[in-house]
PDB file of N, CA and C in Angstrom:
ATOM      1  N   MET A   1       1.137  -1.233   0.697  1.00  0.00           N
ATOM      2  CA  MET A   1      -0.269   0.238   0.011  1.00  0.00           C
ATOM      3  C   MET A   1       1.015   1.232   0.279  1.00  0.00           C
ATOM      4  N   PHE A   2       0.901   2.054  -1.007  1.00  0.00           N
ATOM      5  CA  PHE A   2       1.953   3.445  -0.671  1.00  0.00           C
ATOM      6  C   PHE A   2       0.606   4.936  -0.333  1.00  0.00           C
ATOM      7  N   ILE A   3       0.817   5.652   0.430  1.00  0.00           N
ATOM      8  CA  ILE A   3      -0.703   6.113   1.174  1.00  0.00           C
ATOM      9  C   ILE A   3       1.057   7.645   1.414  1.00  0.00           C
ATOM     10  N   ALA A   4      -0.281   8.619   1.306  1.00  0.00           N
ATOM     11  CA  ALA A   4       0.619  10.183   1.146  1.00  0.00           C
ATOM     12  C   ALA A   4      -0.463  10.981   2.483  1.00  0.00           C
ATOM     13  N   VAL A   5       0.676  11.941   3.549  1.00  0.00           N
ATOM     14  CA  VAL A   5      -0.018  12.410   4.577  1.00  0.00           C
ATOM     15  C   VAL A   5       0.313  13.459   3.876  1.00  0.00           C
ATOM     16  N   ALA A   6      -0.884  14.968   3.908  1.00  0.00           N
ATOM     17  CA  ALA A   6      -0.851  16.219   3.268  1.00  0.00           C
ATOM     18  C   ALA A   6      -0.354  16.834   5.015  1.00  0.00           C
ATOM     19  N   VAL A   7       0.069  18.295   4.526  1.00  0.00           N
ATOM     20  CA  VAL A   7       0.852  19.116   5.864  1.00  0.00           C
ATOM     21  C   VAL A   7      -0.057  20.491   5.254  1.00  0.00           C
ATOM     22  N   ASP A   8       0.174  21.608   6.183  1.00  0.00           N
ATOM     23  CA  ASP A   8      -0.214  22.670   5.628  1.00  0.00           C
ATOM     24  C   ASP A   8       1.336  22.960   6.002  1.00  0.00           C
ATOM     25  N   GLY A   9       1.103  24.956   6.044  1.00  0.00           N
ATOM     26  CA  GLY A   9       1.699  25.199   5.362  1.00  0.00           C
ATOM     27  C   GLY A   9       3.266  25.113   6.825  1.00  0.00           C
ATOM     28  N   ARG A  10       2.668  25.563   8.091  1.00  0.00           N
ATOM     29  CA  ARG A  10       3.545  25.116   9.327  1.00  0.00           C
ATOM     30  C   ARG A  10       3.164  23.698  10.016  1.00  0.00           C
ATOM     31  N   HIS A  11       3.256  22.342   8.584  1.00  0.00           N
ATOM     32  CA  HIS A  11       2.917  21.193   9.001  1.00  0.00           C
ATOM     33  C   HIS A  11       2.109  20.676  10.230  1.00  0.00           C
ATOM     34  N   ARG A  12       1.621  21.201   9.730  1.00  0.00           N
ATOM     35  CA  ARG A  12      -0.130  20.478  10.366  1.00  0.00           C
ATOM     36  C   ARG A  12      -1.160  19.541   9.558  1.00  0.00           C
ATOM     37  N   TYR A  13      -1.747  18.438   9.749  1.00  0.00           N
ATOM     38  CA  TYR A  13      -1.754  17.362   9.609  1.00  0.00           C
ATOM     39  C   TYR A  13      -2.892  17.731   8.408  1.00  0.00           C
ATOM     40  N   ALA A  14      -3.476  17.463   7.531  1.00  0.00           N
ATOM     41  CA  ALA A  14      -4.504  18.082   6.107  1.00  0.00           C
ATOM     42  C   ALA A  14      -4.767  17.384   5.632  1.00  0.00           C
ATOM     43  N   GLY A  15      -4.963  15.532   6.419  1.00  0.00           N
ATOM     44  CA  GLY A  15      -5.036  15.155   6.029  1.00  0.00           C
ATOM     45  C   GLY A  15      -4.314  13.929   5.416  1.00  0.00           C
ATOM     46  N   HIS A  16      -5.037  12.476   4.925  1.00  0.00           N
ATOM     47  CA  HIS A  16      -3.950  11.509   4.542  1.00  0.00           C
ATOM     48  C   HIS A  16      -4.932  10.439   3.120  1.00  0.00           C
ATOM     49  N   TYR A  17      -4.136  10.029   2.265  1.00  0.00           N
ATOM     50  CA  TYR A  17      -5.178   9.188   1.490  1.00  0.00           C
ATOM     51  C   TYR A  17      -4.547   7.958   0.750  1.00  0.00           C
ATOM     52  N   GLU A  18      -5.229   6.745   0.197  1.00  0.00           N
ATOM     53  CA  GLU A  18      -3.870   6.199  -0.233  1.00  0.00           C
ATOM     54  C   GLU A  18      -3.736   5.619  -1.816  1.00  0.00           C
ATOM     55  N   VAL A  19      -2.837   6.364  -2.295  1.00  0.00           N
ATOM     56  CA  VAL A  19      -2.362   5.762  -3.616  1.00  0.00           C
ATOM     57  C   VAL A  19      -2.711   5.041  -4.384  1.00  0.00           C
ATOM     58  N   SER A  20      -1.752   4.775  -4.313  1.00  0.00           N
ATOM     59  CA  SER A  20      -1.883   3.175  -4.801  1.00  0.00           C
ATOM     60  C   SER A  20      -1.932   1.809  -3.304  1.00  0.00           C
ATOM     61  N   ARG A  21      -2.897   0.619  -4.233  1.00  0.00           N
ATOM     62  CA  ARG A  21      -1.865  -1.143  -3.705  1.00  0.00           C
ATOM     63  C   ARG A  21      -2.019  -1.743  -4.818  1.00  0.00           C
ATOM     64  N   GLY A  22      -0.517  -2.208  -4.058  1.00  0.00           N
ATOM     65  CA  GLY A  22      -0.138  -3.507  -4.753  1.00  0.00           C
ATOM     66  C   GLY A  22      -0.557  -4.354  -4.738  1.00  0.00           C
ATOM     67  N   SER A  23       0.013  -5.701  -5.884  1.00  0.00           N
ATOM     68  CA  SER A  23       0.546  -6.975  -5.802  1.00  0.00           C
ATOM     69  C   SER A  23       1.959  -7.141  -4.377  1.00  0.00           C
ATOM     70  N   LEU A  24       1.931  -8.586  -4.798  1.00  0.00           N
ATOM     71  CA  LEU A  24       3.528  -9.285  -3.555  1.00  0.00           C
ATOM     72  C   LEU A  24       4.595  -8.566  -3.893  1.00  0.00           C
ATOM     73  N   THR A  25       4.922  -8.091  -5.150  1.00  0.00           N
ATOM     74  CA  THR A  25       5.693  -7.384  -5.587  1.00  0.00           C
ATOM     75  C   THR A  25       5.983  -5.715  -6.436  1.00  0.00           C
ATOM     76  N   THR A  26       5.138  -5.717  -6.514  1.00  0.00           N
ATOM     77  CA  THR A  26       4.953  -3.828  -7.069  1.00  0.00           C
ATOM     78  C   THR A  26       3.740  -3.123  -6.791  1.00  0.00           C
ATOM     79  N   SER A  27       4.377  -2.284  -7.157  1.00  0.00           N
ATOM     80  CA  SER A  27       3.339  -0.877  -6.730  1.00  0.00           C
ATOM     81  C   SER A  27       2.941   0.284  -7.861  1.00  0.00           C
ATOM     82  N   ILE A  28       1.652   0.183  -8.253  1.00  0.00           N
ATOM     83  CA  ILE A  28       2.114   1.565  -9.832  1.00  0.00           C
ATOM     84  C   ILE A  28       2.126   3.131  -9.048  1.00  0.00           C
ATOM     85  N   VAL A  29       3.082   3.454  -9.103  1.00  0.00           N
ATOM     86  CA  VAL A  29       2.901   5.439  -8.686  1.00  0.00           C
ATOM     87  C   VAL A  29       2.874   6.001  -9.399  1.00  0.00           C
ATOM     88  N   HIS A  30       1.573   7.264  -9.458  1.00  0.00           N
ATOM     89  CA  HIS A  30       2.338   7.919 -10.771  1.00  0.00           C
ATOM     90  C   HIS A  30       2.401   9.741  -9.743  1.00  0.00           C
ATOM     91  N   PRO A  31       2.619  10.278 -10.671  1.00  0.00           N
ATOM     92  CA  PRO A  31       2.459  11.496  -9.893  1.00  0.00           C
ATOM     93  C   PRO A  31       1.090  12.059 -10.267  1.00  0.00           C
ATOM     94  N   ARG A  32       0.713  12.063 -11.172  1.00  0.00           N
ATOM     95  CA  ARG A  32      -0.539  12.520 -10.891  1.00  0.00           C
ATOM     96  C   ARG A  32      -1.552  12.228 -10.178  1.00  0.00           C
ATOM     97  N   GLU A  33      -1.789  11.102  -9.410  1.00  0.00           N
ATOM     98  CA  GLU A  33      -2.270  10.314  -8.812  1.00  0.00           C
ATOM     99  C   GLU A  33      -1.310  10.932  -6.980  1.00  0.00           C
ATOM    100  N   VAL A  34      -0.577  11.050  -6.910  1.00  0.00           N
ATOM    101  CA  VAL A  34       0.468  11.707  -5.632  1.00  0.00           C
ATOM    102  C   VAL A  34      -0.474  12.364  -4.988  1.00  0.00           C
ATOM    103  N   PHE A  35      -0.252  13.525  -6.069  1.00  0.00           N
ATOM    104  CA  PHE A  35      -0.208  14.802  -5.644  1.00  0.00           C
ATOM    105  C   PHE A  35      -1.561  15.592  -5.943  1.00  0.00           C
ATOM    106  N   LYS A  36      -3.085  14.472  -7.332  1.00  0.00           N
ATOM    107  CA  LYS A  36      -4.186  14.932  -7.003  1.00  0.00           C
ATOM    108  C   LYS A  36      -4.978  15.684  -5.379  1.00  0.00           C
ATOM    109  N   GLN A  37      -4.589  14.715  -4.867  1.00  0.00           N
ATOM    110  CA  GLN A  37      -5.091  14.709  -3.629  1.00  0.00           C
ATOM    111  C   GLN A  37      -4.358  15.982  -2.011  1.00  0.00           C
ATOM    112  N   ALA A  38      -3.159  16.101  -3.078  1.00  0.00           N
ATOM    113  CA  ALA A  38      -2.695  17.135  -2.166  1.00  0.00           C
ATOM    114  C   ALA A  38      -2.904  18.401  -2.586  1.00  0.00           C
ATOM    115  N   ILE A  39      -3.187  18.451  -3.699  1.00  0.00           N
ATOM    116  CA  ILE A  39      -3.856  20.080  -4.843  1.00  0.00           C
ATOM    117  C   ILE A  39      -5.209  20.116  -3.790  1.00  0.00           C
ATOM    118  N   LEU A  40      -5.938  18.643  -3.737  1.00  0.00           N
ATOM    119  CA  LEU A  40      -7.322  19.178  -3.558  1.00  0.00           C
ATOM    120  C   LEU A  40      -7.554  19.838  -1.883  1.00  0.00           C
ATOM    121  N   ARG A  41      -6.689  19.444  -1.059  1.00  0.00           N
ATOM    122  CA  ARG A  41      -6.639  19.486  -0.035  1.00  0.00           C
ATOM    123  C   ARG A  41      -5.852  21.088   0.624  1.00  0.00           C
ATOM    124  N   ASN A  42      -5.587  21.514  -0.722  1.00  0.00           N
ATOM    125  CA  ASN A  42      -4.244  22.839  -0.697  1.00  0.00           C
ATOM    126  C   ASN A  42      -2.891  22.748   0.756  1.00  0.00           C
ATOM    127  N   ALA A  43      -1.973  21.105   0.534  1.00  0.00           N
ATOM    128  CA  ALA A  43      -0.940  20.991   0.909  1.00  0.00           C
ATOM    129  C   ALA A  43       0.075  21.897   0.958  1.00  0.00           C
ATOM    130  N   ALA A  44       0.960  22.501   1.128  1.00  0.00           N
ATOM    131  CA  ALA A  44       1.914  22.979   1.068  1.00  0.00           C
ATOM    132  C   ALA A  44       3.633  21.787   0.590  1.00  0.00           C
ATOM    133  N   ALA A  45       3.852  20.607   1.751  1.00  0.00           N
ATOM    134  CA  ALA A  45       4.187  19.452   1.583  1.00  0.00           C
ATOM    135  C   ALA A  45       3.653  17.753   1.190  1.00  0.00           C
ATOM    136  N   ILE A  46       3.740  17.192   1.860  1.00  0.00           N
ATOM    137  CA  ILE A  46       3.287  15.602   1.484  1.00  0.00           C
ATOM    138  C   ILE A  46       4.545  14.669   1.956  1.00  0.00           C
ATOM    139  N   PHE A  47       4.155  14.052   3.236  1.00  0.00           N
ATOM    140  CA  PHE A  47       5.134  12.510   3.350  1.00  0.00           C
ATOM    141  C   PHE A  47       4.136  11.719   2.348  1.00  0.00           C
ATOM    142  N   LEU A  48       4.817  10.717   2.341  1.00  0.00           N
ATOM    143  CA  LEU A  48       4.706   8.945   1.394  1.00  0.00           C
ATOM    144  C   LEU A  48       5.307   8.465   2.254  1.00  0.00           C
ATOM    145  N   LEU A  49       4.335   6.998   2.457  1.00  0.00           N
ATOM    146  CA  LEU A  49       5.250   6.521   2.912  1.00  0.00           C
ATOM    147  C   LEU A  49       4.167   4.304   2.650  1.00  0.00           C
ATOM    148  N   HIS A  50       4.527   3.560   2.551  1.00  0.00           N
ATOM    149  CA  HIS A  50       4.480   2.479   1.879  1.00  0.00           C
ATOM    150  C   HIS A  50       5.640   1.509   2.643  1.00  0.00           C
ATOM    151  N   ASN A  51       4.516   0.106   2.438  1.00  0.00           N
ATOM    152  CA  ASN A  51       5.195  -0.807   2.603  1.00  0.00           C
ATOM    153  C   ASN A  51       6.322  -1.980   2.101  1.00  0.00           C
ATOM    154  N   HIS A  52       6.514  -2.415   2.422  1.00  0.00           N
ATOM    155  CA  HIS A  52       7.435  -3.834   1.835  1.00  0.00           C
ATOM    156  C   HIS A  52       6.528  -4.996   2.506  1.00  0.00           C
ATOM    157  N   PRO A  53       5.909  -5.826   1.590  1.00  0.00           N
ATOM    158  CA  PRO A  53       5.359  -7.052   2.424  1.00  0.00           C
ATOM    159  C   PRO A  53       6.510  -7.876   2.469  1.00  0.00           C
ATOM    160  N   THR A  54       7.922  -8.278   1.840  1.00  0.00           N
ATOM    161  CA  THR A  54       8.768  -9.236   2.815  1.00  0.00           C
ATOM    162  C   THR A  54       9.439  -8.650   3.993  1.00  0.00           C
ATOM    163  N   GLY A  55       8.713  -7.492   4.552  1.00  0.00           N
ATOM    164  CA  GLY A  55       9.023  -6.983   6.120  1.00  0.00           C
ATOM    165  C   GLY A  55      10.582  -6.353   6.107  1.00  0.00           C
ATOM    166  N   ASP A  56      11.602  -6.662   5.210  1.00  0.00           N
ATOM    167  CA  ASP A  56      12.464  -5.443   4.925  1.00  0.00           C
ATOM    168  C   ASP A  56      12.181  -3.656   4.592  1.00  0.00           C
ATOM    169  N   PRO A  57      12.516  -3.196   5.122  1.00  0.00           N
ATOM    170  CA  PRO A  57      11.956  -1.590   4.792  1.00  0.00           C
ATOM    171  C   PRO A  57      13.499  -0.870   3.926  1.00  0.00           C
ATOM    172  N   THR A  58      14.367  -1.905   3.441  1.00  0.00           N
ATOM    173  CA  THR A  58      15.583  -1.713   2.325  1.00  0.00           C
ATOM    174  C   THR A  58      15.143  -0.710   1.026  1.00  0.00           C
ATOM    175  N   PRO A  59      15.339   0.384   0.882  1.00  0.00           N
ATOM    176  CA  PRO A  59      15.138   1.166  -0.362  1.00  0.00           C
ATOM    177  C   PRO A  59      15.773   0.293  -1.442  1.00  0.00           C
ATOM    178  N   SER A  60      14.606  -0.231  -2.282  1.00  0.00           N
ATOM    179  CA  SER A  60      14.867  -0.849  -3.609  1.00  0.00           C
ATOM    180  C   SER A  60      15.671  -0.141  -4.700  1.00  0.00           C
ATOM    181  N   GLU A  61      16.254  -0.335  -5.864  1.00  0.00           N
ATOM    182  CA  GLU A  61      16.410   0.493  -7.104  1.00  0.00           C
ATOM    183  C   GLU A  61      14.928   1.389  -7.433  1.00  0.00           C
ATOM    184  N   GLU A  62      14.148   0.515  -7.601  1.00  0.00           N
ATOM    185  CA  GLU A  62      12.784   1.348  -7.649  1.00  0.00           C
ATOM    186  C   GLU A  62      12.371   2.535  -7.100  1.00  0.00           C
ATOM    187  N   ASP A  63      12.185   1.661  -5.500  1.00  0.00           N
ATOM    188  CA  ASP A  63      12.211   3.305  -4.404  1.00  0.00           C
ATOM    189  C   ASP A  63      12.563   4.266  -5.435  1.00  0.00           C
ATOM    190  N   VAL A  64      14.355   3.967  -5.066  1.00  0.00           N
ATOM    191  CA  VAL A  64      14.715   5.429  -5.412  1.00  0.00           C
ATOM    192  C   VAL A  64      14.336   6.123  -6.488  1.00  0.00           C
ATOM    193  N   MET A  65      14.330   6.335  -7.730  1.00  0.00           N
ATOM    194  CA  MET A  65      13.725   6.471  -8.431  1.00  0.00           C
ATOM    195  C   MET A  65      11.942   6.615  -8.862  1.00  0.00           C
ATOM    196  N   VAL A  66      11.951   6.337  -8.235  1.00  0.00           N
ATOM    197  CA  VAL A  66      10.407   6.996  -8.751  1.00  0.00           C
ATOM    198  C   VAL A  66       9.982   7.910  -7.567  1.00  0.00           C
ATOM    199  N   THR A  67      10.384   8.084  -6.258  1.00  0.00           N
ATOM    200  CA  THR A  67      11.412   9.384  -5.089  1.00  0.00           C
ATOM    201  C   THR A  67      11.816  10.256  -6.073  1.00  0.00           C
ATOM    202  N   ARG A  68      12.819  10.154  -6.787  1.00  0.00           N
ATOM    203  CA  ARG A  68      13.214  11.789  -7.068  1.00  0.00           C
ATOM    204  C   ARG A  68      12.211  11.670  -7.901  1.00  0.00           C
ATOM    205  N   ARG A  69      11.467  11.327  -8.964  1.00  0.00           N
ATOM    206  CA  ARG A  69      10.296  11.185  -9.521  1.00  0.00           C
ATOM    207  C   ARG A  69       9.212  12.633  -9.038  1.00  0.00           C
ATOM    208  N   LEU A  70       8.882  11.678  -8.036  1.00  0.00           N
ATOM    209  CA  LEU A  70       8.489  12.398  -6.971  1.00  0.00           C
ATOM    210  C   LEU A  70       8.177  13.741  -6.029  1.00  0.00           C
ATOM    211  N   VAL A  71       9.360  13.641  -6.092  1.00  0.00           N
ATOM    212  CA  VAL A  71      10.027  14.592  -5.875  1.00  0.00           C
ATOM    213  C   VAL A  71      10.309  16.197  -6.307  1.00  0.00           C
ATOM    214  N   HIS A  72      10.283  15.788  -8.119  1.00  0.00           N
ATOM    215  CA  HIS A  72      10.657  16.497  -8.984  1.00  0.00           C
ATOM    216  C   HIS A  72       9.885  17.109  -8.704  1.00  0.00           C
ATOM    217  N   ALA A  73       8.456  16.282  -9.405  1.00  0.00           N
ATOM    218  CA  ALA A  73       7.185  16.710  -9.320  1.00  0.00           C
ATOM    219  C   ALA A  73       7.133  17.960  -8.646  1.00  0.00           C
ATOM    220  N   GLY A  74       6.920  17.170  -7.441  1.00  0.00           N
ATOM    221  CA  GLY A  74       6.747  17.951  -6.065  1.00  0.00           C
ATOM    222  C   GLY A  74       7.099  19.812  -6.460  1.00  0.00           C
ATOM    223  N   GLU A  75       8.433  19.968  -7.223  1.00  0.00           N
ATOM    224  CA  GLU A  75       9.093  20.747  -6.720  1.00  0.00           C
ATOM    225  C   GLU A  75       8.089  21.759  -7.821  1.00  0.00           C
ATOM    226  N   VAL A  76       7.818  21.326  -8.784  1.00  0.00           N
ATOM    227  CA  VAL A  76       7.190  22.073 -10.192  1.00  0.00           C
ATOM    228  C   VAL A  76       6.079  22.703  -9.716  1.00  0.00           C
ATOM    229  N   LEU A  77       5.562  21.586  -9.022  1.00  0.00           N
ATOM    230  CA  LEU A  77       4.080  21.747  -7.925  1.00  0.00           C
ATOM    231  C   LEU A  77       3.995  23.136  -7.065  1.00  0.00           C
ATOM    232  N   GLY A  78       5.265  22.987  -6.542  1.00  0.00           N
ATOM    233  CA  GLY A  78       5.295  23.524  -5.212  1.00  0.00           C
ATOM    234  C   GLY A  78       4.454  22.958  -4.094  1.00  0.00           C
ATOM    235  N   ILE A  79       4.751  21.368  -4.019  1.00  0.00           N
ATOM    236  CA  ILE A  79       5.055  20.570  -2.632  1.00  0.00           C
ATOM    237  C   ILE A  79       5.712  20.109  -2.640  1.00  0.00           C
ATOM    238  N   ARG A  80       5.881  20.085  -1.695  1.00  0.00           N
ATOM    239  CA  ARG A  80       7.558  19.714  -0.785  1.00  0.00           C
ATOM    240  C   ARG A  80       7.282  18.688  -0.862  1.00  0.00           C
ATOM    241  N   VAL A  81       8.204  17.351  -0.830  1.00  0.00           N
ATOM    242  CA  VAL A  81       7.737  15.851  -0.012  1.00  0.00           C
ATOM    243  C   VAL A  81       8.859  16.085   0.721  1.00  0.00           C
ATOM    244  N   LEU A  82       8.570  16.192   1.731  1.00  0.00           N
ATOM    245  CA  LEU A  82       9.148  15.295   3.801  1.00  0.00           C
ATOM    246  C   LEU A  82      10.507  14.620   3.194  1.00  0.00           C
ATOM    247  N   ASP A  83       9.024  13.810   3.369  1.00  0.00           N
ATOM    248  CA  ASP A  83      10.142  12.027   3.129  1.00  0.00           C
ATOM    249  C   ASP A  83       8.844  10.959   2.593  1.00  0.00           C
ATOM    250  N   HIS A  84       9.921  10.010   2.404  1.00  0.00           N
ATOM    251  CA  HIS A  84       9.319   8.423   2.663  1.00  0.00           C
ATOM    252  C   HIS A  84      10.083   7.457   3.143  1.00  0.00           C
ATOM    253  N   ILE A  85       9.104   7.305   3.743  1.00  0.00           N
ATOM    254  CA  ILE A  85       9.051   5.957   4.841  1.00  0.00           C
ATOM    255  C   ILE A  85       8.826   4.836   4.467  1.00  0.00           C
ATOM    256  N   ILE A  86       9.438   3.795   3.968  1.00  0.00           N
ATOM    257  CA  ILE A  86       9.035   2.784   3.951  1.00  0.00           C
ATOM    258  C   ILE A  86       9.488   1.599   5.331  1.00  0.00           C
ATOM    259  N   VAL A  87       8.145   1.592   5.303  1.00  0.00           N
ATOM    260  CA  VAL A  87       7.521  -0.304   6.460  1.00  0.00           C
ATOM    261  C   VAL A  87       7.531  -1.408   6.934  1.00  0.00           C
ATOM    262  N   GLY A  88       8.311  -1.982   7.783  1.00  0.00           N
ATOM    263  CA  GLY A  88       9.094  -3.070   7.293  1.00  0.00           C
ATOM    264  C   GLY A  88       7.967  -4.107   8.691  1.00  0.00           C
ATOM    265  N   GLU A  89       8.757  -4.733   9.051  1.00  0.00           N
ATOM    266  CA  GLU A  89       8.561  -5.669  10.108  1.00  0.00           C
ATOM    267  C   GLU A  89       8.650  -5.054  11.412  1.00  0.00           C
ATOM    268  N   ASP A  90       8.086  -5.551  12.607  1.00  0.00           N
ATOM    269  CA  ASP A  90       7.961  -4.826  13.602  1.00  0.00           C
ATOM    270  C   ASP A  90       8.892  -3.924  13.555  1.00  0.00           C
ATOM    271  N   GLY A  91       8.146  -2.927  13.510  1.00  0.00           N
ATOM    272  CA  GLY A  91       8.507  -1.440  14.060  1.00  0.00           C
ATOM    273  C   GLY A  91       9.324  -0.493  13.061  1.00  0.00           C
ATOM    274  N   SER A  92      10.058  -1.753  12.197  1.00  0.00           N
ATOM    275  CA  SER A  92      11.154  -1.324  11.754  1.00  0.00           C
ATOM    276  C   SER A  92      10.548  -0.365  10.117  1.00  0.00           C
ATOM    277  N   TYR A  93      11.683   0.495   9.525  1.00  0.00           N
ATOM    278  CA  TYR A  93      11.407   1.556   8.942  1.00  0.00           C
ATOM    279  C   TYR A  93      12.693   1.911   8.349  1.00  0.00           C
ATOM    280  N   ALA A  94      12.235   2.603   6.901  1.00  0.00           N
ATOM    281  CA  ALA A  94      13.797   3.573   6.142  1.00  0.00           C
ATOM    282  C   ALA A  94      13.323   4.588   6.202  1.00  0.00           C
ATOM    283  N   SER A  95      13.805   5.639   6.266  1.00  0.00           N
ATOM    284  CA  SER A  95      13.115   6.935   5.991  1.00  0.00           C
ATOM    285  C   SER A  95      14.325   7.020   4.974  1.00  0.00           C
ATOM    286  N   PHE A  96      13.648   8.021   4.171  1.00  0.00           N
ATOM    287  CA  PHE A  96      14.680   8.923   2.847  1.00  0.00           C
ATOM    288  C   PHE A  96      15.125   9.656   3.021  1.00  0.00           C
ATOM    289  N   ARG A  97      14.731  10.544   4.164  1.00  0.00           N
ATOM    290  CA  ARG A  97      15.154  11.648   4.905  1.00  0.00           C
ATOM    291  C   ARG A  97      16.701  11.028   5.737  1.00  0.00           C
ATOM    292  N   GLU A  98      16.347  10.255   6.056  1.00  0.00           N
ATOM    293  CA  GLU A  98      17.429  10.184   6.569  1.00  0.00           C
ATOM    294  C   GLU A  98      18.515   9.577   6.522  1.00  0.00           C
ATOM    295  N   LYS A  99      18.392   9.218   5.270  1.00  0.00           N
ATOM    296  CA  LYS A  99      19.364   8.420   4.261  1.00  0.00           C
ATOM    297  C   LYS A  99      19.366   9.782   3.305  1.00  0.00           C
ATOM    298  N   GLY A 100      19.617  10.485   3.043  1.00  0.00           N
ATOM    299  CA  GLY A 100      19.479  11.720   2.577  1.00  0.00           C
ATOM    300  C   GLY A 100      19.896  11.279   0.882  1.00  0.00           C
ATOM    301  N   LEU A 101      18.486  10.444   0.959  1.00  0.00           N
ATOM    302  CA  LEU A 101      17.660  10.035  -1.039  1.00  0.00           C
ATOM    303  C   LEU A 101      16.892  10.825  -1.580  1.00  0.00           C
ATOM    304  N   LEU A 102      16.993  12.402  -0.737  1.00  0.00           N
ATOM    305  CA  LEU A 102      16.097  12.987  -0.971  1.00  0.00           C
ATOM    306  C   LEU A 102      15.800  14.184  -1.754  1.00  0.00           C
ATOM    307  N   SER A 103      17.411  13.940  -2.396  1.00  0.00           N
ATOM    308  CA  SER A 103      18.204  15.135  -3.479  1.00  0.00           C
ATOM    309  C   SER A 103      17.978  14.514  -4.548  1.00  0.00           C
TER     310      SER A 103
END
């Protein structure tokens, strides 16, 4: 499952929404679907979250490529991507911001 959390200019919660639901190995994530609800909610920024069914939150090459594409789209739209978090098992996670992968 791929989810976005919208926040306002002061980073206050403005809502969350499901972007897509994938299969066992993949999920289709398109910038249009990610930012559509953010625009409707007047979001200044968003957080991205998704899970890895394997339980290992290590970002894949595809995760990194999709995130870069979303960061770029957000720059064009004026909606900043604050972080992309992959959730694993037992409370494990990987933060793109912490790993320096949002540039």
